[in-house]
Amino acid sequence: GCTGLTSITIPNSVTSLGSGCFANCARLESIEVESGNTVYDSRENCNAIIETSSNTMIAGCKNTTIPNSVTSLEGSCFAVCTGLTSITIPNSVTSLGLSCFYGCTGLTNIKMKSSTPPTTGSGAFSECLSLTTVYVPKGAKEAYNVEPWNSYEIVEMENTSIAAAPTVDSQKASAPVYDLNGRRVGTSDAMDALPKGVYIVNGKKVMK
């Protein structure tokens, strides 16, 4: 409920954050986890806090972009984020926590990239008073005709299927490589120069 808080940086010493730790921070627009944190990250400049080991987003804000590597949104992740107007949920996300978007009164639409709706905790969209439309991939309208999705207009999008995976050659030529703290450390064609470890390439963990 820190209504005046607009930005926050999580230092690398922080190893524990409670559920809903930034809920009701309605003006929060910038979130960054310092590089070197072994538990959390803000990969791909997402303006959010992600638990690295589980790929769970635990806190977001009105400027958050959900990376393709995130698999779940924790309870109250966006609670009372009144500045949030639209959100795209990638196909990697399989679950939305309890009261995940509770009180996002400015949220008008959600774009779903998966043809299968994620499991959804109770009250995930409660008090989202402006939410009217859920966009889904072509052919997925029937799958989303279940609660809570069918409380809104479900609109199929054209050309929203998952793009074909790039060839190995194109991955080597162009894919950026991030460490587990979300820092870009190189490209996939130059991974031989990186030390041994786990990296994120095209939204997937790669061990070198």
N, C-alpha and C. Protein backbone atom coordinates (compact mmCIF):
# COMPACT_ATOMS: atom_id res chain seq x y z
N GLY A 1 0.78 -1.22 0.00
CA GLY A 1 0.00 0.00 0.00
C GLY A 1 0.82 1.28 0.00
N CYS A 2 2.08 1.19 -0.48
CA CYS A 2 2.92 2.41 -0.55
C CYS A 2 2.53 3.17 -1.81
N THR A 3 1.50 3.99 -1.72
CA THR A 3 0.91 4.61 -2.90
C THR A 3 1.80 5.65 -3.56
N GLY A 4 2.82 6.13 -2.86
CA GLY A 4 3.71 7.12 -3.45
C GLY A 4 4.96 6.54 -4.06
N LEU A 5 5.17 5.24 -3.90
CA LEU A 5 6.38 4.58 -4.39
C LEU A 5 6.32 4.44 -5.91
N THR A 6 7.34 4.95 -6.62
CA THR A 6 7.35 4.89 -8.08
C THR A 6 8.42 3.97 -8.64
N SER A 7 9.49 3.73 -7.89
CA SER A 7 10.54 2.83 -8.38
C SER A 7 11.22 2.15 -7.21
N ILE A 8 11.77 1.00 -7.49
CA ILE A 8 12.48 0.28 -6.44
C ILE A 8 13.57 -0.58 -7.06
N THR A 9 14.71 -0.67 -6.36
CA THR A 9 15.81 -1.55 -6.74
C THR A 9 16.03 -2.56 -5.63
N ILE A 10 16.05 -3.83 -5.98
CA ILE A 10 16.28 -4.89 -5.02
C ILE A 10 17.77 -5.22 -5.03
N PRO A 11 18.49 -5.01 -3.93
CA PRO A 11 19.93 -5.28 -3.92
C PRO A 11 20.23 -6.78 -3.96
N ASN A 12 21.49 -7.10 -4.26
CA ASN A 12 21.83 -8.52 -4.38
C ASN A 12 21.88 -9.24 -3.04
N SER A 13 21.74 -8.49 -1.93
CA SER A 13 21.72 -9.12 -0.60
C SER A 13 20.36 -9.69 -0.24
N VAL A 14 19.31 -9.31 -0.97
CA VAL A 14 17.96 -9.76 -0.64
C VAL A 14 17.75 -11.19 -1.15
N THR A 15 17.37 -12.08 -0.23
CA THR A 15 17.16 -13.47 -0.59
C THR A 15 15.74 -13.94 -0.29
N SER A 16 14.90 -13.06 0.26
CA SER A 16 13.53 -13.45 0.58
C SER A 16 12.59 -12.27 0.45
N LEU A 17 11.51 -12.46 -0.31
CA LEU A 17 10.46 -11.45 -0.46
C LEU A 17 9.12 -12.14 -0.29
N GLY A 18 8.28 -11.64 0.58
CA GLY A 18 6.99 -12.27 0.84
C GLY A 18 6.00 -12.06 -0.29
N SER A 19 5.00 -12.93 -0.35
CA SER A 19 3.95 -12.83 -1.35
C SER A 19 3.23 -11.49 -1.21
N GLY A 20 3.00 -10.82 -2.34
CA GLY A 20 2.30 -9.54 -2.32
C GLY A 20 3.09 -8.43 -1.67
N CYS A 21 4.43 -8.54 -1.70
CA CYS A 21 5.25 -7.57 -0.98
C CYS A 21 5.10 -6.15 -1.51
N PHE A 22 4.71 -5.99 -2.77
CA PHE A 22 4.50 -4.65 -3.32
C PHE A 22 3.06 -4.46 -3.80
N ALA A 23 2.15 -5.25 -3.26
CA ALA A 23 0.74 -5.09 -3.62
C ALA A 23 0.25 -3.71 -3.17
N ASN A 24 -0.67 -3.16 -3.96
CA ASN A 24 -1.29 -1.86 -3.69
C ASN A 24 -0.34 -0.68 -3.88
N CYS A 25 0.83 -0.93 -4.48
CA CYS A 25 1.74 0.18 -4.82
C CYS A 25 1.32 0.69 -6.19
N ALA A 26 0.25 1.45 -6.22
CA ALA A 26 -0.45 1.78 -7.46
C ALA A 26 0.40 2.59 -8.44
N ARG A 27 1.38 3.36 -7.96
CA ARG A 27 2.16 4.23 -8.85
C ARG A 27 3.51 3.62 -9.23
N LEU A 28 3.77 2.41 -8.80
CA LEU A 28 5.05 1.77 -9.09
C LEU A 28 5.20 1.54 -10.60
N GLU A 29 6.28 2.06 -11.16
CA GLU A 29 6.49 1.95 -12.61
C GLU A 29 7.85 1.42 -12.99
N SER A 30 8.74 1.23 -12.04
CA SER A 30 10.07 0.73 -12.35
C SER A 30 10.53 -0.21 -11.24
N ILE A 31 10.88 -1.45 -11.62
CA ILE A 31 11.40 -2.43 -10.68
C ILE A 31 12.65 -3.05 -11.27
N GLU A 32 13.71 -3.09 -10.48
CA GLU A 32 14.96 -3.67 -10.97
C GLU A 32 15.62 -4.48 -9.85
N VAL A 33 16.10 -5.65 -10.20
CA VAL A 33 16.88 -6.46 -9.28
C VAL A 33 18.35 -6.30 -9.67
N GLU A 34 19.19 -5.96 -8.70
CA GLU A 34 20.61 -5.77 -8.98
C GLU A 34 21.23 -7.05 -9.52
N SER A 35 22.16 -6.88 -10.46
CA SER A 35 22.90 -8.03 -10.97
C SER A 35 23.71 -8.65 -9.84
N GLY A 36 23.81 -9.95 -9.84
CA GLY A 36 24.53 -10.63 -8.78
C GLY A 36 23.62 -11.24 -7.74
N ASN A 37 22.32 -10.89 -7.77
CA ASN A 37 21.38 -11.51 -6.84
C ASN A 37 21.22 -12.98 -7.23
N THR A 38 21.36 -13.87 -6.27
CA THR A 38 21.34 -15.30 -6.57
C THR A 38 19.94 -15.91 -6.51
N VAL A 39 18.95 -15.13 -6.05
CA VAL A 39 17.60 -15.66 -5.89
C VAL A 39 16.61 -15.05 -6.87
N TYR A 40 16.75 -13.74 -7.13
CA TYR A 40 15.80 -13.03 -7.97
C TYR A 40 16.50 -12.37 -9.15
N ASP A 41 15.71 -12.05 -10.18
CA ASP A 41 16.27 -11.32 -11.33
C ASP A 41 15.18 -10.50 -12.00
N SER A 42 15.62 -9.58 -12.85
CA SER A 42 14.73 -8.77 -13.68
C SER A 42 15.14 -8.94 -15.13
N ARG A 43 15.18 -10.18 -15.56
CA ARG A 43 15.68 -10.52 -16.89
C ARG A 43 14.98 -9.74 -18.01
N GLU A 44 15.72 -9.46 -19.05
CA GLU A 44 15.22 -8.80 -20.25
C GLU A 44 14.57 -7.44 -19.95
N ASN A 45 15.09 -6.78 -18.90
CA ASN A 45 14.57 -5.45 -18.53
C ASN A 45 13.05 -5.47 -18.39
N CYS A 46 12.53 -6.48 -17.70
CA CYS A 46 11.09 -6.71 -17.66
C CYS A 46 10.34 -5.81 -16.69
N ASN A 47 11.04 -5.04 -15.84
CA ASN A 47 10.37 -4.20 -14.83
C ASN A 47 9.53 -5.07 -13.90
N ALA A 48 10.15 -6.11 -13.37
CA ALA A 48 9.45 -7.02 -12.47
C ALA A 48 10.49 -7.79 -11.67
N ILE A 49 10.01 -8.52 -10.67
CA ILE A 49 10.88 -9.39 -9.87
C ILE A 49 10.51 -10.83 -10.18
N ILE A 50 11.50 -11.62 -10.60
CA ILE A 50 11.28 -13.01 -10.94
C ILE A 50 12.14 -13.89 -10.03
N GLU A 51 11.54 -14.91 -9.47
CA GLU A 51 12.31 -15.90 -8.72
C GLU A 51 13.02 -16.78 -9.73
N THR A 52 14.34 -16.70 -9.73
CA THR A 52 15.13 -17.30 -10.80
C THR A 52 14.94 -18.81 -10.89
N SER A 53 14.97 -19.51 -9.77
CA SER A 53 14.95 -20.97 -9.80
C SER A 53 13.64 -21.53 -10.33
N SER A 54 12.52 -20.85 -10.06
CA SER A 54 11.21 -21.36 -10.47
C SER A 54 10.62 -20.63 -11.67
N ASN A 55 11.28 -19.56 -12.13
CA ASN A 55 10.76 -18.73 -13.22
C ASN A 55 9.37 -18.18 -12.89
N THR A 56 9.17 -17.85 -11.60
CA THR A 56 7.90 -17.29 -11.15
C THR A 56 8.02 -15.79 -10.96
N MET A 57 7.13 -15.03 -11.60
CA MET A 57 7.11 -13.58 -11.40
C MET A 57 6.36 -13.31 -10.11
N ILE A 58 7.02 -12.61 -9.17
CA ILE A 58 6.39 -12.38 -7.88
C ILE A 58 5.92 -10.95 -7.68
N ALA A 59 6.39 -10.02 -8.48
CA ALA A 59 5.93 -8.63 -8.38
C ALA A 59 6.10 -7.94 -9.71
N GLY A 60 5.04 -7.27 -10.16
CA GLY A 60 5.09 -6.53 -11.40
C GLY A 60 4.59 -5.11 -11.19
N CYS A 61 4.59 -4.32 -12.26
CA CYS A 61 4.11 -2.94 -12.20
C CYS A 61 3.48 -2.58 -13.53
N LYS A 62 3.11 -1.32 -13.68
CA LYS A 62 2.36 -0.95 -14.89
C LYS A 62 3.20 -1.03 -16.16
N ASN A 63 4.52 -1.04 -16.04
CA ASN A 63 5.39 -1.12 -17.22
C ASN A 63 6.01 -2.50 -17.41
N THR A 64 5.49 -3.49 -16.73
CA THR A 64 6.06 -4.83 -16.81
C THR A 64 5.79 -5.49 -18.17
N THR A 65 6.81 -6.16 -18.68
CA THR A 65 6.68 -7.06 -19.82
C THR A 65 7.05 -8.45 -19.33
N ILE A 66 6.17 -9.40 -19.50
CA ILE A 66 6.41 -10.75 -19.00
C ILE A 66 7.29 -11.51 -19.98
N PRO A 67 8.51 -11.90 -19.59
CA PRO A 67 9.38 -12.64 -20.50
C PRO A 67 8.83 -14.02 -20.84
N ASN A 68 9.24 -14.55 -21.98
CA ASN A 68 8.77 -15.86 -22.42
C ASN A 68 9.26 -17.00 -21.53
N SER A 69 10.22 -16.73 -20.67
CA SER A 69 10.76 -17.77 -19.80
C SER A 69 9.99 -17.91 -18.49
N VAL A 70 9.07 -16.98 -18.21
CA VAL A 70 8.29 -17.03 -16.97
C VAL A 70 7.20 -18.09 -17.10
N THR A 71 7.05 -18.93 -16.06
CA THR A 71 6.07 -20.02 -16.11
C THR A 71 4.85 -19.78 -15.24
N SER A 72 4.94 -18.87 -14.27
CA SER A 72 3.77 -18.60 -13.43
C SER A 72 3.84 -17.19 -12.86
N LEU A 73 2.67 -16.67 -12.51
CA LEU A 73 2.56 -15.38 -11.84
C LEU A 73 2.06 -15.65 -10.43
N GLU A 74 2.81 -15.19 -9.44
CA GLU A 74 2.45 -15.47 -8.04
C GLU A 74 1.21 -14.69 -7.62
N GLY A 75 0.58 -15.14 -6.56
CA GLY A 75 -0.57 -14.44 -6.02
C GLY A 75 -0.28 -12.98 -5.73
N SER A 76 -1.23 -12.11 -6.08
CA SER A 76 -1.12 -10.66 -5.86
C SER A 76 0.03 -10.02 -6.63
N CYS A 77 0.50 -10.69 -7.66
CA CYS A 77 1.65 -10.18 -8.43
C CYS A 77 1.43 -8.76 -8.95
N PHE A 78 0.21 -8.47 -9.43
CA PHE A 78 -0.12 -7.14 -9.96
C PHE A 78 -1.24 -6.48 -9.16
N ALA A 79 -1.47 -6.93 -7.95
CA ALA A 79 -2.63 -6.45 -7.18
C ALA A 79 -2.66 -4.93 -7.05
N VAL A 80 -3.80 -4.35 -7.38
CA VAL A 80 -4.06 -2.91 -7.30
C VAL A 80 -3.02 -2.10 -8.07
N CYS A 81 -2.58 -2.66 -9.20
CA CYS A 81 -1.71 -1.90 -10.11
C CYS A 81 -2.63 -1.14 -11.05
N THR A 82 -3.15 -0.02 -10.57
CA THR A 82 -4.20 0.69 -11.29
C THR A 82 -3.72 1.34 -12.58
N GLY A 83 -2.41 1.50 -12.74
CA GLY A 83 -1.88 2.09 -13.97
C GLY A 83 -1.73 1.10 -15.10
N LEU A 84 -1.90 -0.19 -14.83
CA LEU A 84 -1.79 -1.22 -15.86
C LEU A 84 -3.01 -1.18 -16.75
N THR A 85 -2.81 -1.03 -18.07
CA THR A 85 -3.95 -0.93 -18.99
C THR A 85 -4.08 -2.14 -19.90
N SER A 86 -2.96 -2.80 -20.17
CA SER A 86 -2.98 -3.98 -21.04
C SER A 86 -1.81 -4.87 -20.67
N ILE A 87 -1.97 -6.18 -20.81
CA ILE A 87 -0.89 -7.09 -20.50
C ILE A 87 -0.91 -8.25 -21.49
N THR A 88 0.26 -8.67 -21.92
CA THR A 88 0.40 -9.85 -22.78
C THR A 88 0.99 -10.98 -21.95
N ILE A 89 0.32 -12.11 -21.91
CA ILE A 89 0.76 -13.25 -21.13
C ILE A 89 1.28 -14.31 -22.10
N PRO A 90 2.60 -14.59 -22.09
CA PRO A 90 3.18 -15.52 -23.06
C PRO A 90 2.73 -16.95 -22.84
N ASN A 91 2.98 -17.79 -23.85
CA ASN A 91 2.51 -19.17 -23.77
C ASN A 91 3.28 -20.00 -22.76
N SER A 92 4.37 -19.46 -22.22
CA SER A 92 5.13 -20.19 -21.20
C SER A 92 4.43 -20.18 -19.84
N VAL A 93 3.51 -19.23 -19.65
CA VAL A 93 2.84 -19.09 -18.35
C VAL A 93 1.71 -20.10 -18.25
N THR A 94 1.77 -20.96 -17.24
CA THR A 94 0.77 -22.02 -17.07
C THR A 94 -0.13 -21.80 -15.86
N SER A 95 0.19 -20.83 -15.01
CA SER A 95 -0.68 -20.60 -13.85
C SER A 95 -0.64 -19.13 -13.42
N LEU A 96 -1.81 -18.65 -12.97
CA LEU A 96 -1.97 -17.31 -12.40
C LEU A 96 -2.40 -17.48 -10.96
N GLY A 97 -1.70 -16.84 -10.05
CA GLY A 97 -1.96 -17.03 -8.63
C GLY A 97 -3.19 -16.32 -8.11
N LEU A 98 -3.53 -16.61 -6.89
CA LEU A 98 -4.66 -16.01 -6.18
C LEU A 98 -4.59 -14.49 -6.23
N SER A 99 -5.67 -13.86 -6.65
CA SER A 99 -5.77 -12.38 -6.70
C SER A 99 -4.64 -11.75 -7.51
N CYS A 100 -4.21 -12.45 -8.53
CA CYS A 100 -3.04 -12.01 -9.32
C CYS A 100 -3.19 -10.59 -9.86
N PHE A 101 -4.36 -10.26 -10.44
CA PHE A 101 -4.61 -8.94 -11.01
C PHE A 101 -5.70 -8.20 -10.23
N TYR A 102 -5.89 -8.59 -9.00
CA TYR A 102 -6.96 -7.98 -8.19
C TYR A 102 -6.85 -6.44 -8.16
N GLY A 103 -7.94 -5.77 -8.43
CA GLY A 103 -7.98 -4.31 -8.29
C GLY A 103 -7.25 -3.55 -9.37
N CYS A 104 -6.92 -4.20 -10.50
CA CYS A 104 -6.28 -3.47 -11.62
C CYS A 104 -7.39 -2.76 -12.39
N THR A 105 -7.84 -1.65 -11.85
CA THR A 105 -9.03 -0.97 -12.37
C THR A 105 -8.82 -0.34 -13.74
N GLY A 106 -7.57 -0.15 -14.15
CA GLY A 106 -7.30 0.42 -15.46
C GLY A 106 -7.09 -0.61 -16.55
N LEU A 107 -7.04 -1.88 -16.18
CA LEU A 107 -6.79 -2.95 -17.14
C LEU A 107 -8.01 -3.14 -18.04
N THR A 108 -7.81 -2.97 -19.35
CA THR A 108 -8.93 -3.08 -20.30
C THR A 108 -8.89 -4.35 -21.12
N ASN A 109 -7.70 -4.91 -21.36
CA ASN A 109 -7.63 -6.11 -22.18
C ASN A 109 -6.41 -6.95 -21.83
N ILE A 110 -6.52 -8.23 -22.11
CA ILE A 110 -5.44 -9.18 -21.88
C ILE A 110 -5.19 -9.93 -23.18
N LYS A 111 -3.94 -10.07 -23.57
CA LYS A 111 -3.59 -10.83 -24.77
C LYS A 111 -2.93 -12.13 -24.34
N MET A 112 -3.57 -13.24 -24.63
CA MET A 112 -3.06 -14.55 -24.27
C MET A 112 -2.36 -15.17 -25.48
N LYS A 113 -1.15 -15.65 -25.29
CA LYS A 113 -0.40 -16.26 -26.39
C LYS A 113 -0.60 -17.77 -26.46
N SER A 114 -1.09 -18.38 -25.37
CA SER A 114 -1.28 -19.82 -25.35
C SER A 114 -2.70 -20.19 -25.79
N SER A 115 -2.82 -21.29 -26.52
CA SER A 115 -4.12 -21.78 -26.92
C SER A 115 -4.83 -22.51 -25.77
N THR A 116 -4.08 -22.82 -24.73
CA THR A 116 -4.65 -23.48 -23.55
C THR A 116 -4.64 -22.49 -22.39
N PRO A 117 -5.78 -22.18 -21.80
CA PRO A 117 -5.80 -21.21 -20.69
C PRO A 117 -5.01 -21.72 -19.50
N PRO A 118 -4.26 -20.84 -18.84
CA PRO A 118 -3.53 -21.25 -17.64
C PRO A 118 -4.50 -21.50 -16.49
N THR A 119 -4.06 -22.30 -15.52
CA THR A 119 -4.87 -22.44 -14.31
C THR A 119 -4.89 -21.10 -13.60
N THR A 120 -6.01 -20.81 -12.95
CA THR A 120 -6.21 -19.47 -12.41
C THR A 120 -6.71 -19.55 -10.98
N GLY A 121 -6.00 -18.86 -10.07
CA GLY A 121 -6.39 -18.83 -8.67
C GLY A 121 -7.64 -17.98 -8.45
N SER A 122 -8.27 -18.19 -7.33
CA SER A 122 -9.49 -17.46 -7.00
C SER A 122 -9.27 -15.95 -7.00
N GLY A 123 -10.22 -15.23 -7.60
CA GLY A 123 -10.16 -13.76 -7.58
C GLY A 123 -9.06 -13.17 -8.41
N ALA A 124 -8.55 -13.91 -9.38
CA ALA A 124 -7.41 -13.42 -10.18
C ALA A 124 -7.72 -12.08 -10.86
N PHE A 125 -8.99 -11.87 -11.26
CA PHE A 125 -9.36 -10.63 -11.95
C PHE A 125 -10.46 -9.87 -11.20
N SER A 126 -10.60 -10.13 -9.91
CA SER A 126 -11.61 -9.43 -9.13
C SER A 126 -11.34 -7.92 -9.11
N GLU A 127 -12.39 -7.15 -9.22
CA GLU A 127 -12.32 -5.68 -9.20
C GLU A 127 -11.54 -5.10 -10.37
N CYS A 128 -11.40 -5.88 -11.45
CA CYS A 128 -10.83 -5.32 -12.69
C CYS A 128 -12.00 -4.69 -13.46
N LEU A 129 -12.40 -3.54 -13.03
CA LEU A 129 -13.67 -2.95 -13.45
C LEU A 129 -13.70 -2.54 -14.92
N SER A 130 -12.54 -2.33 -15.53
CA SER A 130 -12.50 -1.89 -16.93
C SER A 130 -12.19 -3.03 -17.90
N LEU A 131 -11.92 -4.22 -17.36
CA LEU A 131 -11.54 -5.35 -18.22
C LEU A 131 -12.75 -5.82 -19.01
N THR A 132 -12.62 -5.78 -20.34
CA THR A 132 -13.74 -6.17 -21.20
C THR A 132 -13.37 -7.28 -22.19
N THR A 133 -12.08 -7.36 -22.57
CA THR A 133 -11.71 -8.22 -23.69
C THR A 133 -10.50 -9.08 -23.38
N VAL A 134 -10.60 -10.36 -23.77
CA VAL A 134 -9.47 -11.28 -23.70
C VAL A 134 -9.18 -11.74 -25.12
N TYR A 135 -7.99 -11.42 -25.62
CA TYR A 135 -7.59 -11.85 -26.95
C TYR A 135 -6.87 -13.19 -26.85
N VAL A 136 -7.26 -14.13 -27.71
CA VAL A 136 -6.68 -15.48 -27.68
C VAL A 136 -6.25 -15.86 -29.09
N PRO A 137 -5.37 -16.88 -29.20
CA PRO A 137 -4.95 -17.33 -30.53
C PRO A 137 -6.13 -17.86 -31.36
N LYS A 138 -5.98 -17.81 -32.65
CA LYS A 138 -7.03 -18.28 -33.55
C LYS A 138 -7.30 -19.76 -33.27
N GLY A 139 -8.57 -20.09 -33.12
CA GLY A 139 -8.97 -21.46 -32.85
C GLY A 139 -9.06 -21.81 -31.37
N ALA A 140 -8.75 -20.85 -30.48
CA ALA A 140 -8.71 -21.14 -29.04
C ALA A 140 -9.93 -20.61 -28.29
N LYS A 141 -10.88 -20.02 -28.99
CA LYS A 141 -12.02 -19.40 -28.31
C LYS A 141 -12.79 -20.42 -27.47
N GLU A 142 -13.00 -21.61 -27.98
CA GLU A 142 -13.76 -22.62 -27.24
C GLU A 142 -13.03 -23.02 -25.96
N ALA A 143 -11.70 -23.14 -26.05
CA ALA A 143 -10.92 -23.53 -24.87
C ALA A 143 -11.04 -22.50 -23.75
N TYR A 144 -11.20 -21.23 -24.12
CA TYR A 144 -11.30 -20.16 -23.13
C TYR A 144 -12.74 -19.90 -22.67
N ASN A 145 -13.66 -20.70 -23.15
CA ASN A 145 -15.06 -20.52 -22.74
C ASN A 145 -15.31 -21.18 -21.39
N VAL A 146 -14.47 -20.83 -20.43
CA VAL A 146 -14.56 -21.33 -19.06
C VAL A 146 -14.26 -20.16 -18.13
N GLU A 147 -14.66 -20.31 -16.86
CA GLU A 147 -14.34 -19.26 -15.89
C GLU A 147 -12.84 -19.21 -15.64
N PRO A 148 -12.30 -18.00 -15.41
CA PRO A 148 -12.97 -16.69 -15.40
C PRO A 148 -13.01 -16.01 -16.76
N TRP A 149 -12.43 -16.67 -17.77
CA TRP A 149 -12.24 -16.03 -19.07
C TRP A 149 -13.55 -15.68 -19.75
N ASN A 150 -14.57 -16.55 -19.58
CA ASN A 150 -15.83 -16.30 -20.28
C ASN A 150 -16.68 -15.20 -19.64
N SER A 151 -16.11 -14.54 -18.63
CA SER A 151 -16.78 -13.35 -18.08
C SER A 151 -16.54 -12.13 -18.96
N TYR A 152 -15.65 -12.30 -19.96
CA TYR A 152 -15.26 -11.18 -20.82
C TYR A 152 -15.47 -11.59 -22.28
N GLU A 153 -15.41 -10.61 -23.16
CA GLU A 153 -15.50 -10.92 -24.58
C GLU A 153 -14.21 -11.62 -25.01
N ILE A 154 -14.35 -12.77 -25.62
CA ILE A 154 -13.19 -13.53 -26.08
C ILE A 154 -13.05 -13.32 -27.58
N VAL A 155 -11.93 -12.76 -28.00
CA VAL A 155 -11.70 -12.42 -29.41
C VAL A 155 -10.49 -13.18 -29.91
N GLU A 156 -10.68 -13.93 -31.00
CA GLU A 156 -9.56 -14.65 -31.60
C GLU A 156 -8.71 -13.69 -32.42
N MET A 157 -7.40 -13.83 -32.28
CA MET A 157 -6.46 -12.98 -33.01
C MET A 157 -5.93 -13.73 -34.22
N GLU A 158 -5.73 -13.02 -35.30
CA GLU A 158 -5.10 -13.59 -36.48
C GLU A 158 -3.59 -13.59 -36.31
N ASN A 159 -2.95 -14.58 -36.89
CA ASN A 159 -1.48 -14.64 -36.93
C ASN A 159 -0.85 -14.54 -35.56
N THR A 160 -1.41 -15.25 -34.56
CA THR A 160 -0.83 -15.22 -33.22
C THR A 160 -0.25 -16.55 -32.80
N SER A 161 -0.19 -17.48 -33.75
CA SER A 161 0.39 -18.77 -33.41
C SER A 161 1.87 -18.60 -33.13
N ILE A 162 2.43 -19.56 -32.43
CA ILE A 162 3.84 -19.49 -32.07
C ILE A 162 4.67 -19.53 -33.35
N ALA A 163 5.57 -18.59 -33.47
CA ALA A 163 6.42 -18.58 -34.65
C ALA A 163 7.29 -19.83 -34.67
N ALA A 164 7.59 -20.28 -35.88
CA ALA A 164 8.43 -21.46 -36.01
C ALA A 164 9.78 -21.20 -35.37
N ALA A 165 10.30 -22.20 -34.72
CA ALA A 165 11.59 -22.05 -34.04
C ALA A 165 12.66 -21.75 -35.08
N PRO A 166 13.55 -20.80 -34.81
CA PRO A 166 14.61 -20.50 -35.75
C PRO A 166 15.55 -21.68 -35.90
N THR A 167 16.17 -21.76 -37.04
CA THR A 167 17.13 -22.82 -37.26
C THR A 167 18.34 -22.62 -36.39
N VAL A 168 19.15 -23.65 -36.27
CA VAL A 168 20.35 -23.55 -35.45
C VAL A 168 21.25 -22.44 -35.97
N ASP A 169 21.34 -22.33 -37.30
CA ASP A 169 22.21 -21.29 -37.86
C ASP A 169 21.72 -19.91 -37.51
N SER A 170 20.37 -19.69 -37.57
CA SER A 170 19.86 -18.35 -37.26
C SER A 170 19.99 -18.05 -35.78
N GLN A 171 19.88 -19.09 -34.92
CA GLN A 171 20.09 -18.87 -33.51
C GLN A 171 21.51 -18.41 -33.25
N LYS A 172 22.45 -19.06 -33.93
CA LYS A 172 23.84 -18.69 -33.73
C LYS A 172 24.11 -17.28 -34.22
N ALA A 173 23.37 -16.87 -35.24
CA ALA A 173 23.67 -15.58 -35.84
C ALA A 173 23.06 -14.42 -35.06
N SER A 174 21.94 -14.67 -34.38
CA SER A 174 21.23 -13.50 -33.89
C SER A 174 20.74 -13.55 -32.44
N ALA A 175 20.69 -14.71 -31.82
CA ALA A 175 20.02 -14.80 -30.52
C ALA A 175 20.88 -14.18 -29.41
N PRO A 176 20.30 -13.22 -28.63
CA PRO A 176 21.04 -12.69 -27.49
C PRO A 176 21.11 -13.73 -26.38
N VAL A 177 22.15 -13.66 -25.58
CA VAL A 177 22.35 -14.58 -24.47
C VAL A 177 22.34 -13.78 -23.17
N TYR A 178 21.53 -14.23 -22.19
CA TYR A 178 21.42 -13.57 -20.90
C TYR A 178 21.90 -14.52 -19.80
N ASP A 179 22.47 -13.93 -18.73
CA ASP A 179 22.75 -14.77 -17.58
C ASP A 179 21.48 -14.86 -16.73
N LEU A 180 21.53 -15.60 -15.64
CA LEU A 180 20.33 -15.82 -14.83
C LEU A 180 19.89 -14.59 -14.06
N ASN A 181 20.68 -13.52 -14.13
CA ASN A 181 20.30 -12.26 -13.49
C ASN A 181 19.67 -11.30 -14.50
N GLY A 182 19.48 -11.80 -15.75
CA GLY A 182 18.84 -10.97 -16.75
C GLY A 182 19.77 -10.04 -17.49
N ARG A 183 21.08 -10.17 -17.27
CA ARG A 183 22.04 -9.31 -17.97
C ARG A 183 22.41 -9.94 -19.31
N ARG A 184 22.44 -9.13 -20.34
CA ARG A 184 22.88 -9.64 -21.65
C ARG A 184 24.40 -9.79 -21.62
N VAL A 185 24.86 -11.00 -21.92
CA VAL A 185 26.29 -11.28 -21.82
C VAL A 185 26.93 -11.63 -23.15
N GLY A 186 26.12 -11.68 -24.20
CA GLY A 186 26.70 -11.98 -25.51
C GLY A 186 25.63 -12.48 -26.46
N THR A 187 26.08 -13.15 -27.53
CA THR A 187 25.17 -13.74 -28.50
C THR A 187 25.49 -15.22 -28.65
N SER A 188 24.51 -15.96 -29.19
CA SER A 188 24.64 -17.42 -29.23
C SER A 188 25.78 -17.88 -30.13
N ASP A 189 26.19 -17.06 -31.10
CA ASP A 189 27.28 -17.48 -31.97
C ASP A 189 28.64 -17.30 -31.31
N ALA A 190 28.65 -16.68 -30.11
CA ALA A 190 29.93 -16.47 -29.42
C ALA A 190 29.91 -17.09 -28.02
N MET A 191 29.07 -18.12 -27.82
CA MET A 191 28.97 -18.72 -26.50
C MET A 191 30.25 -19.45 -26.07
N ASP A 192 31.08 -19.81 -27.05
CA ASP A 192 32.34 -20.48 -26.71
C ASP A 192 33.21 -19.59 -25.83
N ALA A 193 33.01 -18.28 -25.93
CA ALA A 193 33.83 -17.35 -25.16
C ALA A 193 33.32 -17.14 -23.74
N LEU A 194 32.12 -17.64 -23.46
CA LEU A 194 31.53 -17.45 -22.13
C LEU A 194 31.99 -18.56 -21.19
N PRO A 195 32.09 -18.25 -19.89
CA PRO A 195 32.46 -19.29 -18.92
C PRO A 195 31.34 -20.33 -18.79
N LYS A 196 31.69 -21.49 -18.26
CA LYS A 196 30.69 -22.53 -18.07
C LYS A 196 29.62 -22.05 -17.09
N GLY A 197 28.37 -22.45 -17.38
CA GLY A 197 27.27 -22.03 -16.51
C GLY A 197 25.95 -22.21 -17.22
N VAL A 198 24.88 -21.63 -16.65
CA VAL A 198 23.55 -21.71 -17.22
C VAL A 198 23.16 -20.34 -17.76
N TYR A 199 22.67 -20.31 -18.99
CA TYR A 199 22.30 -19.06 -19.64
C TYR A 199 20.87 -19.17 -20.19
N ILE A 200 20.31 -18.02 -20.57
CA ILE A 200 18.98 -17.99 -21.17
C ILE A 200 19.13 -17.56 -22.62
N VAL A 201 18.70 -18.43 -23.54
CA VAL A 201 18.76 -18.16 -24.97
C VAL A 201 17.37 -18.44 -25.56
N ASN A 202 16.82 -17.44 -26.24
CA ASN A 202 15.48 -17.58 -26.80
C ASN A 202 14.45 -18.01 -25.75
N GLY A 203 14.60 -17.46 -24.54
CA GLY A 203 13.65 -17.74 -23.48
C GLY A 203 13.81 -19.10 -22.80
N LYS A 204 14.88 -19.83 -23.15
CA LYS A 204 15.09 -21.16 -22.58
C LYS A 204 16.45 -21.22 -21.90
N LYS A 205 16.51 -22.00 -20.83
CA LYS A 205 17.79 -22.19 -20.14
C LYS A 205 18.68 -23.11 -20.95
N VAL A 206 19.94 -22.71 -21.11
CA VAL A 206 20.93 -23.49 -21.84
C VAL A 206 22.15 -23.65 -20.97
N MET A 207 22.62 -24.88 -20.81
CA MET A 207 23.80 -25.13 -20.00
C MET A 207 25.02 -25.24 -20.92
N LYS A 208 26.06 -24.54 -20.52
CA LYS A 208 27.30 -24.59 -21.31
C LYS A 208 28.36 -25.34 -20.50
